[in-house]
Protein backbone atom coordinates (compact mmCIF):
# COMPACT_ATOMS: atom_id res chain seq x y z
CA MET A 1 -0.39 -0.01 0.21
CA ASN A 2 1.24 3.51 -0.90
CA GLN A 3 0.82 5.46 2.55
CA GLN A 4 1.70 8.87 0.58
CA LYS A 5 -1.37 8.01 -2.23
CA VAL A 6 -3.83 7.32 0.25
CA LEU A 7 -3.07 10.53 2.59
CA LYS A 8 -3.22 12.18 -1.06
CA LYS A 9 -6.70 11.01 -1.57
CA LEU A 10 -7.77 11.86 2.36
CA SER A 11 -6.51 15.56 1.30
CA GLU A 12 -7.94 16.19 -1.54
CA LEU A 13 -11.76 14.96 0.52
CA VAL A 14 -10.47 17.40 3.48
CA ALA A 15 -9.65 20.30 1.62
CA ILE A 16 -13.58 20.32 0.73
CA ARG A 17 -15.78 22.15 2.97
CA SER A 18 -18.70 19.96 3.08
CA ILE A 19 -20.54 21.20 5.88
CA SER A 20 -24.19 20.20 5.89
CA THR A 21 -25.75 22.33 8.28
CA ASP A 22 -25.32 25.13 6.61
CA LYS A 23 -27.03 25.33 3.46
CA LYS A 24 -23.93 27.90 1.88
CA TYR A 25 -22.29 24.75 1.61
CA HIS A 26 -24.42 22.92 -0.63
CA LYS A 27 -22.27 23.59 -3.51
CA GLN A 28 -19.12 21.85 -1.60
CA ILE A 29 -21.25 19.20 -0.74
CA LEU A 30 -22.15 18.36 -4.47
CA GLU A 31 -18.27 18.73 -4.70
CA ALA A 32 -17.85 15.64 -2.43
CA ALA A 33 -20.37 13.89 -3.55
CA GLY A 34 -18.73 14.40 -6.87
CA PHE A 35 -14.79 13.77 -5.44
CA ILE A 36 -16.80 10.42 -4.40
CA LYS A 37 -17.96 9.31 -7.35
CA LYS A 38 -15.18 9.49 -9.98
CA GLU A 39 -13.40 7.68 -7.02
CA LEU A 40 -15.23 4.92 -6.93
CA ILE A 41 -16.22 4.76 -10.48
CA ASN A 42 -12.37 4.30 -11.02
CA ILE A 43 -12.30 1.18 -8.73
CA GLY A 44 -15.03 -0.22 -10.89
CA PHE A 45 -18.29 0.51 -8.79
CA GLN A 46 -21.57 1.18 -10.44
CA VAL A 47 -22.59 4.50 -8.62
CA ASN A 48 -25.67 6.08 -7.80
CA MET A 49 -26.16 9.30 -6.79
CA PHE A 50 -30.23 10.13 -5.14
CA GLU A 51 -31.32 13.49 -3.80
CA GLN A 52 -34.74 14.86 -2.96
CA ASN A 53 -35.69 18.76 -2.35
CA ASN A 54 -31.94 19.65 -3.19
CA CYS A 55 -30.29 17.52 0.06
CA PRO A 56 -27.25 16.32 -0.20
CA PRO A 57 -26.75 13.77 -2.21
CA LEU A 58 -26.44 9.91 -1.35
CA ILE A 59 -24.20 8.24 -2.86
CA ILE A 60 -24.81 4.00 -2.97
CA ALA A 61 -22.14 2.21 -5.46
CA ARG A 62 -21.52 -1.50 -6.06
CA TYR A 63 -18.69 -3.85 -6.71
CA ARG A 64 -19.79 -7.30 -8.26
CA SER A 65 -17.30 -9.58 -7.19
CA LYS A 66 -15.98 -12.17 -9.38
CA ASN A 67 -16.30 -14.51 -7.34
CA THR A 68 -19.33 -16.99 -8.37
CA SER A 69 -19.00 -19.09 -5.14
CA LYS A 70 -22.70 -19.78 -3.82
CA ASN A 71 -20.99 -18.31 -0.33
CA LYS A 72 -20.26 -15.24 -1.67
CA LYS A 73 -22.21 -12.22 0.48
CA THR A 74 -23.06 -8.62 0.18
CA ILE A 75 -21.48 -6.26 2.77
CA GLY A 76 -23.06 -3.22 2.73
CA VAL A 77 -20.51 -0.56 4.21
CA TYR A 78 -22.25 3.60 5.66
CA ALA A 79 -20.05 6.24 6.55
CA HIS A 80 -20.62 10.17 6.03
CA TYR A 81 -18.80 12.72 4.01
CA ASP A 82 -20.62 15.86 5.71
CA ILE A 83 -18.67 17.65 8.39
CA GLN A 84 -19.01 19.60 11.24
CA PRO A 85 -18.61 23.55 11.14
CA GLU A 86 -14.82 24.39 11.80
CA ASP A 87 -15.76 27.09 14.68
CA PRO A 88 -13.95 27.64 16.83
CA ILE A 89 -11.07 28.62 14.01
CA ASP A 90 -9.17 30.18 16.70
CA LYS A 91 -8.25 27.17 18.90
CA TRP A 92 -6.88 25.56 15.74
CA GLN A 93 -3.51 24.79 15.37
CA THR A 94 -3.26 23.86 12.38
CA PRO A 95 -4.66 24.72 9.17
CA PRO A 96 -8.51 23.03 9.48
CA PHE A 97 -8.92 21.90 5.85
CA GLN A 98 -5.68 21.00 4.57
CA VAL A 99 -4.51 17.53 6.14
CA THR A 100 -1.23 18.12 8.04
CA VAL A 101 0.74 15.15 9.73
CA GLN A 102 2.58 15.90 13.34
CA GLY A 103 4.04 13.04 14.50
CA ASN A 104 1.78 10.24 15.33
CA ARG A 105 -1.74 12.13 14.15
CA ILE A 106 -3.15 13.38 11.00
CA TYR A 107 -5.07 16.68 11.37
CA GLY A 108 -7.88 18.67 9.79
CA ARG A 109 -11.65 18.57 9.66
CA GLY A 110 -13.39 15.59 9.28
CA THR A 111 -10.16 12.98 9.40
CA ALA A 112 -11.78 11.11 12.04
CA ASP A 113 -15.33 12.57 12.03
CA ASP A 114 -15.78 10.47 9.23
CA LYS A 115 -13.86 11.13 6.05
CA GLY A 116 -11.08 9.05 7.12
CA HIS A 117 -13.25 5.97 7.15
CA LEU A 118 -14.89 6.89 3.90
CA ILE A 119 -11.34 6.94 2.35
CA GLN A 120 -10.34 3.94 4.49
CA SER A 121 -13.34 1.85 2.91
CA ILE A 122 -12.52 3.42 -0.49
CA VAL A 123 -9.06 2.35 -0.59
CA ALA A 124 -9.29 -1.28 1.13
CA ALA A 125 -12.05 -2.46 -1.56
CA GLU A 126 -9.48 -0.82 -4.53
CA GLU A 127 -6.59 -2.37 -3.13
CA LEU A 128 -9.30 -5.52 -2.97
CA VAL A 129 -9.81 -5.34 -6.25
CA LYS A 130 -6.25 -4.71 -7.51
CA ASN A 131 -5.13 -7.75 -6.83
CA ASN A 132 -8.02 -10.08 -8.13
CA SER A 133 -8.96 -10.75 -4.16
CA LEU A 134 -12.24 -9.33 -3.62
CA THR A 135 -14.90 -12.75 -2.85
CA ASN A 136 -17.97 -10.41 -2.09
CA ASP A 137 -19.54 -7.49 -3.11
CA ILE A 138 -19.75 -4.55 -1.72
CA VAL A 139 -22.23 -1.91 -1.36
CA PHE A 140 -21.57 1.73 -0.15
CA LEU A 141 -23.64 4.01 1.56
CA PHE A 142 -22.27 6.89 1.72
CA GLU A 143 -24.52 9.71 3.14
CA GLY A 144 -24.08 13.89 2.95
CA GLU A 145 -26.47 14.71 5.75
CA GLU A 146 -25.90 12.84 8.87
CA GLU A 147 -24.42 16.02 10.97
CA SER A 148 -28.21 17.33 10.09
CA GLU A 149 -30.06 14.35 11.54
CA SER A 150 -30.30 12.58 8.43
CA LEU A 151 -33.27 14.36 7.42
CA ASP A 152 -33.99 12.65 3.99
CA PHE A 153 -31.87 9.46 4.65
CA GLU A 154 -34.73 7.21 5.25
CA THR A 155 -37.03 8.26 2.38
CA LEU A 156 -33.92 7.86 -0.16
CA ILE A 157 -33.15 4.96 1.33
CA LYS A 158 -37.13 3.59 1.47
CA LYS A 159 -37.64 4.77 -1.95
CA HIS A 160 -34.82 3.09 -3.41
CA ARG A 161 -34.50 -0.36 -1.33
CA ARG A 162 -33.92 -2.26 -4.12
CA LEU A 163 -30.51 -1.49 -4.56
CA LEU A 164 -29.65 -3.04 -0.98
CA ASN A 165 -31.95 -5.71 -0.70
CA ASP A 166 -29.58 -8.27 -1.43
CA VAL A 167 -26.85 -7.01 1.60
CA ASP A 168 -26.21 -9.21 3.79
CA VAL A 169 -24.68 -7.47 6.67
CA PHE A 170 -24.33 -3.30 7.32
CA TYR A 171 -21.20 -2.17 8.69
CA ILE A 172 -21.59 1.45 9.77
CA LEU A 173 -18.15 3.08 10.11
CA ASP A 174 -18.83 5.74 12.19
CA SER A 175 -17.72 5.52 15.69
CA GLY A 176 -13.91 4.49 17.29
CA MET A 177 -12.08 2.34 18.99
CA LYS A 178 -11.79 1.74 23.09
CA ASP A 179 -8.24 2.81 23.22
CA LYS A 180 -5.42 2.58 21.09
CA GLY A 181 -4.94 -0.59 19.90
CA ILE A 182 -8.21 -2.03 21.30
CA PRO A 183 -11.13 -2.20 18.93
CA GLN A 184 -14.47 -2.11 19.93
CA ILE A 185 -18.02 -3.09 18.29
CA PHE A 186 -21.29 -1.20 19.55
CA TYR A 187 -24.29 -3.07 19.99
CA GLY A 188 -26.67 0.05 20.92
CA LEU A 189 -26.41 3.59 20.49
CA ARG A 190 -28.72 6.55 22.38
CA GLY A 191 -31.14 8.36 20.32
CA ILE A 192 -31.50 12.04 19.75
CA ALA A 193 -34.45 15.09 20.03
CA ALA A 194 -33.27 18.61 19.16
CA PHE A 195 -34.81 21.88 19.39
CA GLU A 196 -34.41 25.46 18.98
CA LEU A 197 -36.26 27.82 21.40
CA SER A 198 -36.82 31.39 20.38
CA VAL A 199 -38.53 33.54 23.42
CA ARG A 200 -39.41 37.52 22.67
CA VAL A 201 -40.75 39.73 25.20
CA GLY A 202 -40.31 42.61 22.72
CA SER A 203 -39.63 44.23 19.73
CA ALA A 204 -36.02 46.07 20.69
CA ASP A 205 -34.25 45.72 23.93
CA LEU A 206 -34.71 47.61 26.80
CA HIS A 207 -32.44 50.11 29.08
CA SER A 208 -32.43 48.10 32.43
CA GLY A 209 -32.54 50.89 34.52
CA VAL A 210 -35.64 52.62 33.23
CA TYR A 211 -37.75 48.61 32.26
CA GLY A 212 -35.89 46.34 35.40
CA ASN A 213 -39.04 44.86 37.35
CA LYS A 214 -41.20 46.23 35.02
CA VAL A 215 -40.68 43.86 32.28
CA LEU A 216 -39.26 40.09 31.37
CA ASN A 217 -35.81 39.49 30.93
CA PRO A 218 -35.88 36.38 28.32
CA VAL A 219 -32.59 35.48 29.11
CA SER A 220 -33.83 34.75 32.98
CA VAL A 221 -37.11 32.88 30.95
CA VAL A 222 -34.84 30.51 29.54
CA SER A 223 -32.93 30.33 32.72
CA GLU A 224 -35.98 29.05 34.90
CA LEU A 225 -37.27 26.94 32.15
CA ILE A 226 -34.18 25.10 32.04
CA SER A 227 -34.06 24.71 35.59
CA LYS A 228 -37.41 22.96 35.12
CA ILE A 229 -36.62 20.67 31.98
CA LYS A 230 -33.54 19.19 34.55
CA ASP A 231 -32.54 19.81 38.32
CA GLU A 232 -29.72 19.71 40.38
CA LYS A 233 -29.53 15.70 40.50
CA GLY A 234 -29.68 15.78 36.56
CA LYS A 235 -33.50 14.09 36.56
CA ILE A 236 -35.46 15.56 33.67
CA GLY A 237 -38.90 16.61 34.94
CA ILE A 238 -40.72 16.75 31.89
CA PRO A 239 -43.97 14.35 32.76
CA GLY A 240 -44.23 11.17 31.28
CA PHE A 241 -40.03 11.10 29.90
CA TYR A 242 -38.88 8.31 31.86
CA ASP A 243 -42.38 6.47 30.76
CA LYS A 244 -41.08 4.21 28.51
CA MET A 245 -37.65 3.65 29.04
CA ARG A 246 -35.67 0.18 29.28
CA GLU A 247 -35.31 -1.37 32.05
CA ARG A 248 -31.23 -2.60 32.67
CA LYS A 249 -30.16 -5.36 33.52
CA ASN A 250 -27.11 -6.22 36.04
CA LYS A 251 -25.62 -8.67 32.77
CA GLU A 252 -25.29 -5.52 30.18
CA LYS A 253 -23.63 -2.99 33.40
CA GLU A 254 -20.89 -5.85 33.89
CA LEU A 255 -20.11 -6.12 30.03
CA LEU A 256 -19.74 -2.41 29.65
CA SER A 257 -17.52 -2.52 32.60
CA GLU A 258 -15.14 -5.25 31.15
CA TYR A 259 -12.47 -2.47 30.35
CA VAL A 260 -13.34 0.94 31.31
CA LEU A 261 -11.09 3.98 31.20
CA SER A 262 -10.05 5.56 34.59
CA ASN A 263 -11.49 8.92 35.46
CA ASP A 264 -8.07 10.78 35.14
CA ARG A 265 -7.97 9.63 31.80
CA GLU A 266 -11.18 9.78 30.77
CA ARG A 267 -10.54 13.73 32.04
CA LYS A 268 -7.75 14.36 30.19
CA ILE A 269 -9.19 13.65 27.14
CA ALA A 270 -12.58 15.14 27.93
CA GLY A 271 -10.33 18.44 29.04
CA VAL A 272 -12.85 19.00 31.55
CA PHE A 273 -12.44 19.78 34.95
CA GLU A 274 -14.28 17.07 36.59
CA LEU A 275 -16.23 14.19 36.04
CA VAL A 276 -19.71 14.47 37.21
CA GLY A 277 -21.48 10.95 36.33
CA ASP A 278 -19.73 6.87 36.08
CA HIS A 279 -18.55 5.33 33.03
CA LEU A 280 -22.59 4.31 32.45
CA SER A 281 -24.19 7.20 33.02
CA SER A 282 -23.41 8.82 29.28
CA LYS A 283 -24.60 5.04 27.38
CA LEU A 284 -27.28 3.80 29.56
CA TYR A 285 -29.55 6.13 30.43
CA PRO A 286 -31.21 9.42 29.11
CA SER A 287 -29.83 13.05 29.36
CA PHE A 288 -30.41 16.58 28.57
CA ASP A 289 -27.93 19.27 27.56
CA VAL A 290 -28.62 22.93 26.42
CA ASN A 291 -26.21 23.28 23.32
CA GLY A 292 -26.18 27.33 23.14
CA ILE A 293 -27.53 30.48 23.86
CA GLU A 294 -28.01 34.02 22.07
CA GLY A 295 -28.63 36.52 23.30
CA GLY A 296 -28.04 40.13 25.53
CA TYR A 297 -25.05 41.93 25.15
CA THR A 298 -21.63 40.14 25.11
CA GLY A 299 -19.11 42.45 24.20
CA ARG A 300 -16.62 44.84 25.37
CA GLY A 301 -17.25 46.85 28.25
CA PHE A 302 -20.40 47.11 30.21
CA LYS A 303 -24.05 47.71 28.09
CA THR A 304 -26.88 47.47 30.62
CA VAL A 305 -30.17 45.64 28.79
CA ILE A 306 -32.64 43.98 29.52
CA PRO A 307 -32.89 41.23 26.04
CA SER A 308 -35.25 41.67 24.01
CA GLU A 309 -35.16 38.19 22.63
CA VAL A 310 -32.76 34.83 23.57
CA ILE A 311 -32.93 31.54 21.47
CA VAL A 312 -31.68 28.55 23.27
CA LYS A 313 -30.69 25.40 21.46
CA PHE A 314 -31.22 22.20 23.13
CA SER A 315 -31.38 18.39 22.82
CA PHE A 316 -32.36 15.36 24.76
CA ARG A 317 -30.18 11.84 24.46
CA LEU A 318 -33.01 8.92 24.36
CA VAL A 319 -32.10 5.41 25.53
CA GLU A 320 -34.48 2.51 23.90
CA ASP A 321 -37.19 2.08 24.34
CA GLN A 322 -38.05 6.16 23.78
CA LYS A 323 -39.20 7.89 20.71
CA ALA A 324 -38.33 10.77 19.32
CA ASP A 325 -42.01 11.63 17.92
CA GLU A 326 -43.01 10.95 21.86
CA ILE A 327 -40.40 13.21 22.84
CA LYS A 328 -41.11 15.67 21.11
CA LYS A 329 -44.67 16.19 21.90
CA SER A 330 -43.73 16.01 25.31
CA VAL A 331 -41.33 19.02 25.40
CA THR A 332 -43.63 21.03 22.96
CA ALA A 333 -46.77 20.82 25.80
CA PHE A 334 -43.84 20.68 28.88
CA ILE A 335 -42.71 24.69 27.03
CA GLU A 336 -45.74 25.80 26.34
CA SER A 337 -47.43 25.28 29.88
CA ASN A 338 -44.02 26.80 31.56
CA LEU A 339 -43.32 29.91 29.50
CA PRO A 340 -44.94 33.16 31.61
CA LYS A 341 -47.44 34.79 30.18
CA GLY A 342 -46.03 37.92 28.52
CA VAL A 343 -43.77 36.65 25.85
CA ARG A 344 -43.79 35.10 22.48
CA TYR A 345 -41.70 31.73 21.65
CA GLU A 346 -41.09 29.69 18.73
CA LEU A 347 -40.54 25.98 19.35
CA LYS A 348 -38.33 24.50 16.07
CA PHE A 349 -37.92 20.33 16.43
CA LEU A 350 -34.45 20.63 14.22
CA GLY A 351 -34.37 16.77 14.22
CA GLY A 352 -34.64 13.27 15.57
CA ALA A 353 -33.93 9.66 15.85
CA ASP A 354 -34.85 6.28 17.38
CA PRO A 355 -32.46 4.69 20.17
CA PHE A 356 -30.48 2.24 18.18
CA PHE A 357 -30.24 -1.78 19.82
CA THR A 358 -28.78 -4.54 18.00
CA ASP A 359 -28.43 -8.40 19.06
CA TYR A 360 -24.19 -9.12 19.42
CA ASP A 361 -24.53 -12.49 19.58
CA ASN A 362 -24.99 -12.99 15.67
CA LEU A 363 -22.18 -14.95 13.20
CA TYR A 364 -21.08 -11.50 11.74
CA VAL A 365 -20.49 -9.78 15.10
CA LYS A 366 -18.40 -13.06 16.03
CA ARG A 367 -16.24 -13.31 12.91
CA THR A 368 -16.13 -9.53 12.91
CA LYS A 369 -14.28 -9.53 16.48
CA GLU A 370 -12.13 -12.40 15.73
CA ILE A 371 -10.87 -9.93 12.56
CA LEU A 372 -10.75 -7.13 14.62
CA THR A 373 -8.51 -8.86 17.23
CA GLN A 374 -6.29 -10.54 14.82
CA VAL A 375 -5.80 -6.89 12.95
CA PHE A 376 -4.77 -5.19 16.65
CA GLY A 377 -3.67 -7.73 18.47
CA HIS A 378 -6.41 -7.10 21.80
CA LYS A 379 -9.37 -8.63 22.41
CA THR A 380 -12.60 -6.73 21.16
CA LEU A 381 -14.74 -5.61 23.09
CA LEU A 382 -18.55 -5.02 23.04
CA ASN A 383 -19.74 -1.72 24.04
CA ARG A 384 -22.42 1.00 23.94
CA SER A 385 -22.30 4.63 22.23
CA GLY A 386 -23.81 7.66 23.99
CA GLY A 387 -24.07 9.19 20.38
CA SER A 388 -26.51 9.05 17.58
CA ILE A 389 -26.34 7.57 13.97
CA PRO A 390 -30.21 7.93 12.73
CA ALA A 391 -28.94 5.41 9.77
CA SER A 392 -28.44 2.65 12.35
CA GLU A 393 -31.75 2.54 13.40
CA ILE A 394 -32.76 3.24 10.34
CA LEU A 395 -31.27 0.14 8.36
CA GLN A 396 -31.65 -2.21 10.90
CA ARG A 397 -35.76 -1.39 11.11
CA ILE A 398 -35.92 -1.47 6.99
CA PHE A 399 -33.53 -4.20 5.97
CA ASN A 400 -33.73 -6.11 9.33
CA LYS A 401 -30.16 -7.77 8.59
CA PRO A 402 -27.06 -6.99 10.80
CA ILE A 403 -25.94 -4.15 12.15
CA ILE A 404 -22.39 -3.55 13.01
CA ILE A 405 -20.85 -0.92 14.52
CA THR A 406 -17.43 -0.14 14.42
CA GLY A 407 -14.48 2.56 13.47
CA PHE A 408 -10.84 3.37 14.33
CA THR A 409 -11.06 6.16 15.65
CA LEU A 410 -9.56 6.66 19.49
CA PRO A 411 -11.14 8.97 22.36
CA ASP A 412 -8.80 11.74 22.39
CA GLU A 413 -9.34 13.10 18.58
CA ASN A 414 -11.08 16.34 19.01
CA ILE A 415 -14.68 14.71 16.88
CA HIS A 416 -16.62 17.95 16.34
CA ALA A 417 -14.11 20.26 17.93
CA PRO A 418 -10.85 22.29 17.24
CA ASN A 419 -7.86 20.07 16.02
CA GLU A 420 -9.84 17.17 15.02
CA ASN A 421 -7.34 14.22 13.99
CA ILE A 422 -6.52 10.63 13.39
CA ASP A 423 -4.24 7.79 14.50
CA ILE A 424 -1.38 7.42 11.58
CA ASP A 425 -1.52 3.94 12.97
CA MET A 426 -4.96 3.24 13.63
CA PHE A 427 -5.96 4.80 9.99
CA PHE A 428 -3.82 2.22 8.57
CA GLN A 429 -4.27 -0.56 10.32
CA GLY A 430 -8.14 -0.40 9.98
CA ILE A 431 -7.61 -0.05 6.60
CA GLU A 432 -6.16 -3.92 6.91
CA ALA A 433 -8.79 -5.19 8.98
CA LEU A 434 -11.57 -3.80 6.21
CA LYS A 435 -9.87 -5.98 3.48
CA ARG A 436 -10.33 -8.72 5.87
CA ILE A 437 -13.94 -7.97 6.95
CA PHE A 438 -14.79 -7.37 2.99
CA CYS A 439 -13.51 -10.96 2.16
CA GLN A 440 -14.74 -12.82 5.09
């Protein structure tokens, strides 16, 4: 394998600012999709690109192996080519859209989430085709709006499901390793329900000396609302929120405690002063978080105003058997009944995904564990993630086929943050692992 050629492919894709959360980058989204299509056609894939309502294209590409054995399988592989914005730009130590190798790390936005996995998949297939050693059919499923809650993914998959009906197993390459050299397979993910709330008390900011105590302050209104949604112990106060949450069994807690990062290690990775929950709290239980607040004056100096409007973005992480649509209804009713008179508000549902849970005792999981253990030299762990990958639950529900979530990123690679990076050893070992997976 020519590592420089592989890094060149990654560099070309990372250089494209394919941000799906902002429509002004739609041209770059199309550019990234075009780059991927060209790479796949050069290998010999049959490539289809589908979209609706000007959404980022969904790429479905197939390579038919020359193997005529009755045991030949069709391996489905999912990754996404859209990325998060690079903000805050001043925190980056290298140019975010230029691959930079420093020491044992490859820096650049999307290297870990998820362009690295996408390039690994393409290179693994290319190597096998070149050596005439691909024994199974490969179907790539590359999405361009995963970072926007996969709003069009389900509709497009249902519309073109004939292209995927024969897939025997889906690999979701959008997760990572427990630590360097310690592979893992995820059998569960939390779901998500995301919202934006704007609260207005008037048409313009007011002088706090003249109007303090006379009018509502939207910052205070939103702060009080947030404190009602989640109390100081972390319990969510929305009526019925926990009603459908599945009871947790000790067997699963023991499984997830097989290999736990120390508090000091995890604190260092997160860059926080204190951990307030244990290793199970972000995997087995739902959570609520404020993702951003905008309102009032935060510039230099002092400006004594009562802001006219505040915007807050927040999200809930869900566990089985909670449903995003049901949580949406509960949240809508709760906010309507807990905002005071005298405010005008608008609540937007930004998207959601149901939790994902799959059987981890099937033959594909067992074989994949063996392959990863052989390549990395460490027992493959079974784990759950607190994050969400909408495609996992959607593909499982539509096709009822085994879903295997794995990947080759490390916990300290700054996903969604400045200085995103990947470990160069894990990157190239990951390609070797995929070559074996594609030929199982």
